[in-house]
Structure formats: C-alpha cells, structure tokens
Amino acid sequence: MKSWLRQHQYAFKVALLRLFTQPFSSLSNITVVALALCLPLISWAILISAQPVVQSIPLATELTVYLEPELKNEQAQQLKNTIQDQYSDQIEHIQFISKEQAAERLQTDPAWADALAALPHNPLPDSLIIRLPTAAEQSATATHLALALQDLAGVDQIQLDSDWLNRLDALLSFGRLALLVLSLSVGVIVVATVFNTIRLQALNQRQEITVARLVGATESFVRRPFLYVGAISGGLSCLLAIVLAHIALSPLTSALNRLAASYNTSVSLTLPSAADLLFVSLLIMVITATAARWSVTRQSSF
C-alpha cells in the first residue's frame, strides 16, 4: 500500500513539474478547454434559471366559444349560465359578447369599417369569452374543457388560445436538446485538445520513457504521470470555466431583466449548485485522464 501511494505521489509531482516547465503551453491548453467548457456552462445556467421564471409568468388561457347564428340572446344568456354552473371549478371568468358589440369593436378599426359597411347584414356571431385560472397543466385542462363545450347545444365553434403554451414547452425542450448537443461537442473538443497535448509530451519525453523501460519501469509507471497531467489540466480548466461563466452571467442577467420586465417579473442567472459543479468537474477530470491514457498508449509504443 505504501509503495502504491509513493508511486502515485511521485507521478503527481512529475505531472506538476511537466506543467510548470512549459507554462505557456500548459496555460494555452487550459484556457482553450476552459473556453470550450464555458459555453455549455452558461447555457446550463440560463436554462435552469429560465424555467422557474417561465412558470411564474401569469398566463391567461382563453376559450372563445362562437354560438350558432340562429341562437337568440335569451338562449345565449342561458347557455352562459349553464356553462358557468357546470364548470365553475375550471373557469375564472366568462363574458358574453353579442354580435352587435363585436361589430362595434370592429368598426373602430378603419381596416374593417369599410368591409362591414358594404355587407347587407352583420355576419358576426354571438360569442363567449372564457378565461381559465393559472394552474399547472393549463394547456391540457383547456383542451379537455374545449372538447366538453363542443358537445353543448347552441355551440358552433371553439377557438383555443393556448397554442403559444405548446410553443413555449417546445422551445424549452429544444433548449435542453441543444444543451446536450453542445455538451457532446465540447466533450469532443476537450478530448482532442488533451489527446494532442499528451501526444506532444510523450514525443518530447521519448528518451526518458525509453530509459525508464530499460531499468525495469512498468507501463503503468510510465503512463501514470501523463494521466495526472490530463486530470490536473481538466480540473484547472473547470475552475477557470466557472470563473469565466460567473463573470459573463452578470451582463447577461441585465439584458434578460429588460425582457423579463415586460412580463412584470425578474430573472437572476446563477450557476448550478456546488454539488452539480463538483460532479461535472470530476467527470471532466475523468474524461481528460482517459484521453491522456489513450494518447500516451498510442504514442509511447516505441
């Protein structure tokens, strides 16, 4: 056990020595990997910060129920009362708009006033505007209510004004998929950068590796310092990426708050939790160490 610990301690010291003896090259590689890691980290922060803000935006899904043209005002009022009584737990407010009121509203618009004046009679139907309360699964609730109201006598057509909710859900799903694709792309960049760095170090240490093998060094002893170089580089890159992301989130928060103000809300972009950042950092260190092992295995076979 002591021998194993001494070997790892020696490999760790050799790895630090190799990093410090080539400071410009080491810093360049760490910076490249950090910049690549910074992009998905910022995207991750935006995604997790935007979800609660989107959920807190006040939504007012509405159903527009168009009544049959031959329905009289008394029958329309009775239908309104029936809907209000039967679905009171799902409806926040219901408003009856007669065909005369609808025509008066359109006549205030010059684009529609001339068209209505040319018609022999008012073609607009009576309608009911039903507003649903803000709740979870609001889109599904509105859809079920629309299907139920469609079967009522006197109802001609129903327009559901919640398509934008589905678009919003699709946009968030697209953001998660884009983050996954971006993370995979960054992973390829990290592996390629570490692979090339370790390859150059293996070529520079060719004579040293050859001598170590002649005096009886095992392959594990030869490769271990390179694995530590990859792991240390990955860990330092993660720390630098976290710092850069934290700096970049400040102006992004200000820009998003200008947009969020139009919805009477505010947003604060924050990095993921410390546990998540630690897990990701350890994962990157494992990936970089694996890339280093792959590289040194291919380049040290001489």
Protein backbone atom coordinates (compact mmCIF):
# COMPACT_ATOMS: atom_id res chain seq x y z
CA MET A 1 0.00 0.00 0.00
CA LYS A 2 2.79 2.42 0.90
CA SER A 3 4.59 1.58 -2.32
CA TRP A 4 1.41 2.28 -4.31
CA LEU A 5 0.94 5.63 -2.58
CA ARG A 6 4.59 6.57 -3.17
CA GLN A 7 4.23 5.78 -6.87
CA HIS A 8 1.15 7.99 -7.17
CA GLN A 9 2.83 10.75 -5.17
CA TYR A 10 5.81 10.59 -7.50
CA ALA A 11 3.56 10.64 -10.59
CA PHE A 12 1.67 13.65 -9.23
CA LYS A 13 4.92 15.59 -8.62
CA VAL A 14 6.19 14.71 -12.10
CA ALA A 15 2.90 15.87 -13.63
CA LEU A 16 3.10 19.23 -11.83
CA LEU A 17 6.75 19.60 -12.88
CA ARG A 18 5.86 18.98 -16.53
CA LEU A 19 3.07 21.55 -16.37
CA PHE A 20 5.28 24.20 -14.76
CA THR A 21 8.27 23.60 -17.03
CA GLN A 22 6.08 24.51 -20.03
CA PRO A 23 3.91 27.30 -18.58
CA PHE A 24 2.87 28.91 -21.87
CA SER A 25 1.82 25.64 -23.48
CA SER A 26 0.02 24.46 -20.33
CA LEU A 27 -1.80 27.76 -19.86
CA SER A 28 -2.84 27.83 -23.52
CA ASN A 29 -4.31 24.33 -23.38
CA ILE A 30 -6.10 25.03 -20.08
CA THR A 31 -7.54 28.27 -21.50
CA VAL A 32 -8.78 26.56 -24.68
CA VAL A 33 -10.52 23.82 -22.71
CA ALA A 34 -11.94 26.38 -20.23
CA LEU A 35 -13.43 28.49 -23.02
CA ALA A 36 -14.98 25.39 -24.56
CA LEU A 37 -16.46 24.38 -21.18
CA CYS A 38 -17.72 27.90 -20.53
CA LEU A 39 -20.30 27.75 -23.35
CA PRO A 40 -22.39 24.79 -22.08
CA LEU A 41 -21.97 26.06 -18.51
CA ILE A 42 -23.55 29.42 -19.40
CA SER A 43 -26.27 27.66 -21.41
CA TRP A 44 -26.96 25.38 -18.45
CA ALA A 45 -27.25 28.38 -16.12
CA ILE A 46 -29.66 30.15 -18.49
CA LEU A 47 -31.82 27.05 -18.87
CA ILE A 48 -32.18 26.27 -15.15
CA SER A 49 -32.74 29.96 -14.33
CA ALA A 50 -35.33 30.47 -17.06
CA GLN A 51 -37.56 27.53 -16.11
CA PRO A 52 -38.90 28.97 -12.80
CA VAL A 53 -39.31 32.39 -14.42
CA VAL A 54 -41.38 30.91 -17.24
CA GLN A 55 -43.52 29.05 -14.73
CA SER A 56 -44.12 32.27 -12.76
CA ILE A 57 -45.31 34.27 -15.79
CA PRO A 58 -49.02 34.94 -15.36
CA LEU A 59 -50.90 33.02 -18.03
CA ALA A 60 -54.46 33.68 -19.08
CA THR A 61 -55.57 30.93 -21.39
CA GLU A 62 -58.85 31.82 -23.05
CA LEU A 63 -61.53 29.91 -24.90
CA THR A 64 -63.61 31.73 -27.48
CA VAL A 65 -66.93 29.95 -27.90
CA TYR A 66 -68.78 31.00 -31.07
CA LEU A 67 -72.52 30.40 -30.85
CA GLU A 68 -74.85 29.30 -33.62
CA PRO A 69 -76.22 32.26 -35.66
CA GLU A 70 -79.88 31.40 -35.07
CA LEU A 71 -79.46 31.40 -31.29
CA LYS A 72 -81.37 34.21 -29.55
CA ASN A 73 -79.96 36.45 -26.81
CA GLU A 74 -82.06 34.77 -24.13
CA GLN A 75 -80.82 31.35 -25.19
CA ALA A 76 -77.22 32.61 -25.30
CA GLN A 77 -77.51 34.00 -21.76
CA GLN A 78 -78.98 30.71 -20.60
CA LEU A 79 -76.09 28.81 -22.21
CA LYS A 80 -73.63 31.12 -20.48
CA ASN A 81 -75.24 30.43 -17.09
CA THR A 82 -75.23 26.70 -17.77
CA ILE A 83 -71.52 26.67 -18.60
CA GLN A 84 -70.73 28.81 -15.58
CA ASP A 85 -72.64 26.48 -13.25
CA GLN A 86 -71.33 23.19 -14.63
CA TYR A 87 -67.67 24.19 -14.97
CA SER A 88 -67.29 26.76 -12.20
CA ASP A 89 -64.20 24.96 -10.83
CA GLN A 90 -62.38 25.31 -14.18
CA ILE A 91 -63.48 28.82 -15.19
CA GLU A 92 -62.17 32.06 -13.75
CA HIS A 93 -64.34 34.44 -15.76
CA ILE A 94 -66.90 34.21 -18.56
CA GLN A 95 -68.10 37.10 -20.71
CA PHE A 96 -70.89 37.25 -23.28
CA ILE A 97 -70.22 39.38 -26.38
CA SER A 98 -73.16 39.91 -28.67
CA LYS A 99 -72.82 40.21 -32.42
CA GLU A 100 -73.66 43.91 -32.15
CA GLN A 101 -70.84 44.51 -29.64
CA ALA A 102 -68.40 42.61 -31.85
CA ALA A 103 -69.39 44.70 -34.87
CA GLU A 104 -68.97 47.94 -32.92
CA ARG A 105 -65.45 46.90 -31.92
CA LEU A 106 -64.50 46.11 -35.49
CA GLN A 107 -65.97 49.36 -36.77
CA THR A 108 -63.45 51.28 -34.68
CA ASP A 109 -60.75 49.77 -36.91
CA PRO A 110 -60.66 51.57 -40.30
CA ALA A 111 -59.50 48.41 -42.00
CA TRP A 112 -62.73 46.61 -41.01
CA ALA A 113 -65.18 49.53 -41.02
CA ASP A 114 -65.45 49.75 -44.81
CA ALA A 115 -65.84 45.99 -45.18
CA LEU A 116 -68.65 45.83 -42.61
CA ALA A 117 -70.43 48.79 -44.20
CA ALA A 118 -70.50 47.03 -47.56
CA LEU A 119 -72.21 43.94 -46.13
CA PRO A 120 -76.04 43.76 -46.12
CA HIS A 121 -76.17 42.34 -42.57
CA ASN A 122 -73.92 41.66 -39.61
CA PRO A 123 -72.09 38.36 -40.27
CA LEU A 124 -70.55 38.10 -36.80
CA PRO A 125 -71.90 35.52 -34.33
CA ASP A 126 -72.50 35.89 -30.61
CA SER A 127 -69.62 34.57 -28.55
CA LEU A 128 -68.49 33.68 -25.06
CA ILE A 129 -65.01 34.54 -23.82
CA ILE A 130 -63.95 32.06 -21.14
CA ARG A 131 -60.77 32.74 -19.16
CA LEU A 132 -59.15 29.88 -17.24
CA PRO A 133 -57.28 30.36 -13.96
CA THR A 134 -53.50 29.99 -13.84
CA ALA A 135 -52.64 26.42 -12.90
CA ALA A 136 -50.35 23.55 -13.71
CA GLU A 137 -51.17 21.55 -16.85
CA GLN A 138 -53.20 24.53 -18.03
CA SER A 139 -52.98 23.62 -21.69
CA ALA A 140 -54.37 20.12 -21.08
CA THR A 141 -57.19 21.50 -18.92
CA ALA A 142 -58.18 23.99 -21.62
CA THR A 143 -58.19 21.25 -24.26
CA HIS A 144 -60.46 18.98 -22.20
CA LEU A 145 -62.82 21.86 -21.47
CA ALA A 146 -63.00 22.79 -25.16
CA LEU A 147 -63.94 19.21 -26.08
CA ALA A 148 -66.64 19.17 -23.42
CA LEU A 149 -68.16 22.50 -24.50
CA GLN A 150 -68.18 21.49 -28.16
CA ASP A 151 -70.92 18.96 -27.44
CA LEU A 152 -73.30 21.53 -25.92
CA ALA A 153 -76.35 22.59 -27.89
CA GLY A 154 -76.01 26.04 -29.39
CA VAL A 155 -72.20 25.93 -29.67
CA ASP A 156 -70.96 26.32 -33.23
CA GLN A 157 -67.17 26.52 -32.93
CA ILE A 158 -64.49 26.87 -30.23
CA GLN A 159 -61.17 28.60 -30.59
CA LEU A 160 -58.50 27.66 -28.05
CA ASP A 161 -55.97 30.45 -27.45
CA SER A 162 -53.23 28.35 -25.84
CA ASP A 163 -51.14 27.29 -28.81
CA TRP A 164 -48.32 29.54 -27.62
CA LEU A 165 -48.08 27.46 -24.44
CA ASN A 166 -47.23 24.44 -26.55
CA ARG A 167 -44.68 26.52 -28.44
CA LEU A 168 -43.11 27.57 -25.14
CA ASP A 169 -42.84 23.95 -23.98
CA ALA A 170 -41.32 23.03 -27.34
CA LEU A 171 -38.82 25.87 -27.01
CA LEU A 172 -37.67 24.66 -23.59
CA SER A 173 -37.36 21.11 -24.92
CA PHE A 174 -35.30 22.42 -27.82
CA GLY A 175 -33.06 24.24 -25.33
CA ARG A 176 -32.40 21.03 -23.41
CA LEU A 177 -31.59 19.15 -26.62
CA ALA A 178 -29.33 21.96 -27.83
CA LEU A 179 -27.51 21.91 -24.47
CA LEU A 180 -26.96 18.16 -24.82
CA VAL A 181 -25.59 18.51 -28.36
CA LEU A 182 -23.38 21.42 -27.28
CA SER A 183 -22.05 19.42 -24.32
CA LEU A 184 -21.20 16.46 -26.55
CA SER A 185 -19.42 18.78 -28.99
CA VAL A 186 -17.43 20.33 -26.15
CA GLY A 187 -16.55 16.85 -24.92
CA VAL A 188 -15.04 16.06 -28.32
CA ILE A 189 -13.05 19.32 -28.22
CA VAL A 190 -11.74 18.53 -24.73
CA VAL A 191 -10.69 15.00 -25.71
CA ALA A 192 -8.98 16.25 -28.87
CA THR A 193 -7.11 19.00 -27.02
CA VAL A 194 -5.88 16.74 -24.22
CA PHE A 195 -5.03 13.97 -26.69
CA ASN A 196 -2.85 16.31 -28.75
CA THR A 197 -1.18 17.79 -25.64
CA ILE A 198 -0.26 14.39 -24.21
CA ARG A 199 0.91 13.21 -27.63
CA LEU A 200 3.40 16.08 -27.83
CA GLN A 201 4.58 15.46 -24.27
CA ALA A 202 5.05 11.75 -24.98
CA LEU A 203 7.15 12.58 -28.03
CA ASN A 204 9.24 15.10 -26.03
CA GLN A 205 9.76 12.55 -23.23
CA ARG A 206 10.61 9.75 -25.65
CA GLN A 207 14.17 9.27 -24.43
CA GLU A 208 13.12 9.45 -20.79
CA ILE A 209 10.46 6.78 -21.35
CA THR A 210 12.95 4.55 -23.17
CA VAL A 211 15.48 4.80 -20.29
CA ALA A 212 12.77 4.12 -17.71
CA ARG A 213 11.80 0.94 -19.55
CA LEU A 214 15.42 -0.20 -19.75
CA VAL A 215 15.78 -0.01 -15.97
CA GLY A 216 12.60 -2.04 -15.43
CA ALA A 217 9.79 0.55 -15.22
CA THR A 218 6.34 -0.90 -15.87
CA GLU A 219 3.91 0.52 -18.42
CA SER A 220 1.68 1.76 -15.59
CA PHE A 221 4.61 3.64 -14.03
CA VAL A 222 5.41 5.25 -17.40
CA ARG A 223 1.83 6.27 -18.18
CA ARG A 224 0.75 7.41 -14.70
CA PRO A 225 2.32 10.93 -14.83
CA PHE A 226 0.59 11.62 -18.15
CA LEU A 227 -2.76 10.63 -16.64
CA TYR A 228 -2.19 13.09 -13.81
CA VAL A 229 -1.28 15.79 -16.34
CA GLY A 230 -4.61 15.22 -18.09
CA ALA A 231 -6.62 15.14 -14.85
CA ILE A 232 -4.95 18.27 -13.42
CA SER A 233 -5.41 20.14 -16.70
CA GLY A 234 -9.08 19.17 -16.74
CA GLY A 235 -9.61 20.28 -13.14
CA LEU A 236 -7.89 23.65 -13.67
CA SER A 237 -9.88 24.17 -16.87
CA CYS A 238 -13.12 23.58 -14.96
CA LEU A 239 -12.17 26.12 -12.29
CA LEU A 240 -11.30 28.70 -14.94
CA ALA A 241 -14.52 27.96 -16.83
CA ILE A 242 -16.59 28.50 -13.67
CA VAL A 243 -14.88 31.87 -13.06
CA LEU A 244 -15.41 32.98 -16.67
CA ALA A 245 -19.05 31.87 -16.63
CA HIS A 246 -19.67 33.74 -13.38
CA ILE A 247 -18.24 36.91 -14.93
CA ALA A 248 -20.27 36.50 -18.14
CA LEU A 249 -23.58 35.92 -16.33
CA SER A 250 -23.65 39.45 -14.88
CA PRO A 251 -24.23 41.34 -18.17
CA LEU A 252 -26.49 38.52 -19.41
CA THR A 253 -28.67 38.95 -16.32
CA SER A 254 -29.04 42.67 -17.01
CA ALA A 255 -30.01 42.00 -20.63
CA LEU A 256 -32.60 39.36 -19.71
CA ASN A 257 -34.11 41.54 -17.00
CA ARG A 258 -35.02 44.12 -19.62
CA LEU A 259 -37.03 41.42 -21.38
CA ALA A 260 -38.49 39.98 -18.16
CA ALA A 261 -39.68 43.45 -17.09
CA SER A 262 -42.32 43.30 -19.84
CA TYR A 263 -43.83 40.30 -18.01
CA ASN A 264 -43.69 42.05 -14.61
CA THR A 265 -41.05 39.65 -13.34
CA SER A 266 -37.30 39.47 -12.89
CA VAL A 267 -34.62 36.93 -13.59
CA SER A 268 -31.31 36.18 -11.95
CA LEU A 269 -28.92 33.92 -13.81
CA THR A 270 -26.96 31.78 -11.40
CA LEU A 271 -24.57 28.91 -11.85
CA PRO A 272 -25.72 25.38 -10.99
CA SER A 273 -25.33 24.18 -7.43
CA ALA A 274 -21.92 23.43 -5.96
CA ALA A 275 -22.69 19.71 -5.96
CA ASP A 276 -23.52 19.77 -9.69
CA LEU A 277 -20.38 21.77 -10.49
CA LEU A 278 -18.26 19.36 -8.44
CA PHE A 279 -19.77 16.36 -10.23
CA VAL A 280 -19.17 17.93 -13.65
CA SER A 281 -15.59 18.84 -12.70
CA LEU A 282 -14.85 15.28 -11.60
CA LEU A 283 -16.43 13.97 -14.80
CA ILE A 284 -14.23 16.27 -16.91
CA MET A 285 -11.15 15.14 -14.97
CA VAL A 286 -12.04 11.51 -15.68
CA ILE A 287 -12.57 12.30 -19.37
CA THR A 288 -9.26 14.17 -19.66
CA ALA A 289 -7.39 11.42 -17.81
CA THR A 290 -8.94 8.82 -20.13
CA ALA A 291 -7.96 10.89 -23.17
CA ALA A 292 -4.42 11.17 -21.79
CA ARG A 293 -4.20 7.40 -21.29
CA TRP A 294 -5.45 6.81 -24.83
CA SER A 295 -2.90 9.24 -26.24
CA VAL A 296 0.12 8.02 -24.30
CA THR A 297 -0.75 4.39 -25.09
CA ARG A 298 -0.71 5.18 -28.80
CA GLN A 299 2.37 7.41 -28.78
CA SER A 300 4.66 5.60 -26.33
CA SER A 301 4.78 2.26 -28.13
CA PHE A 302 8.37 2.53 -29.28
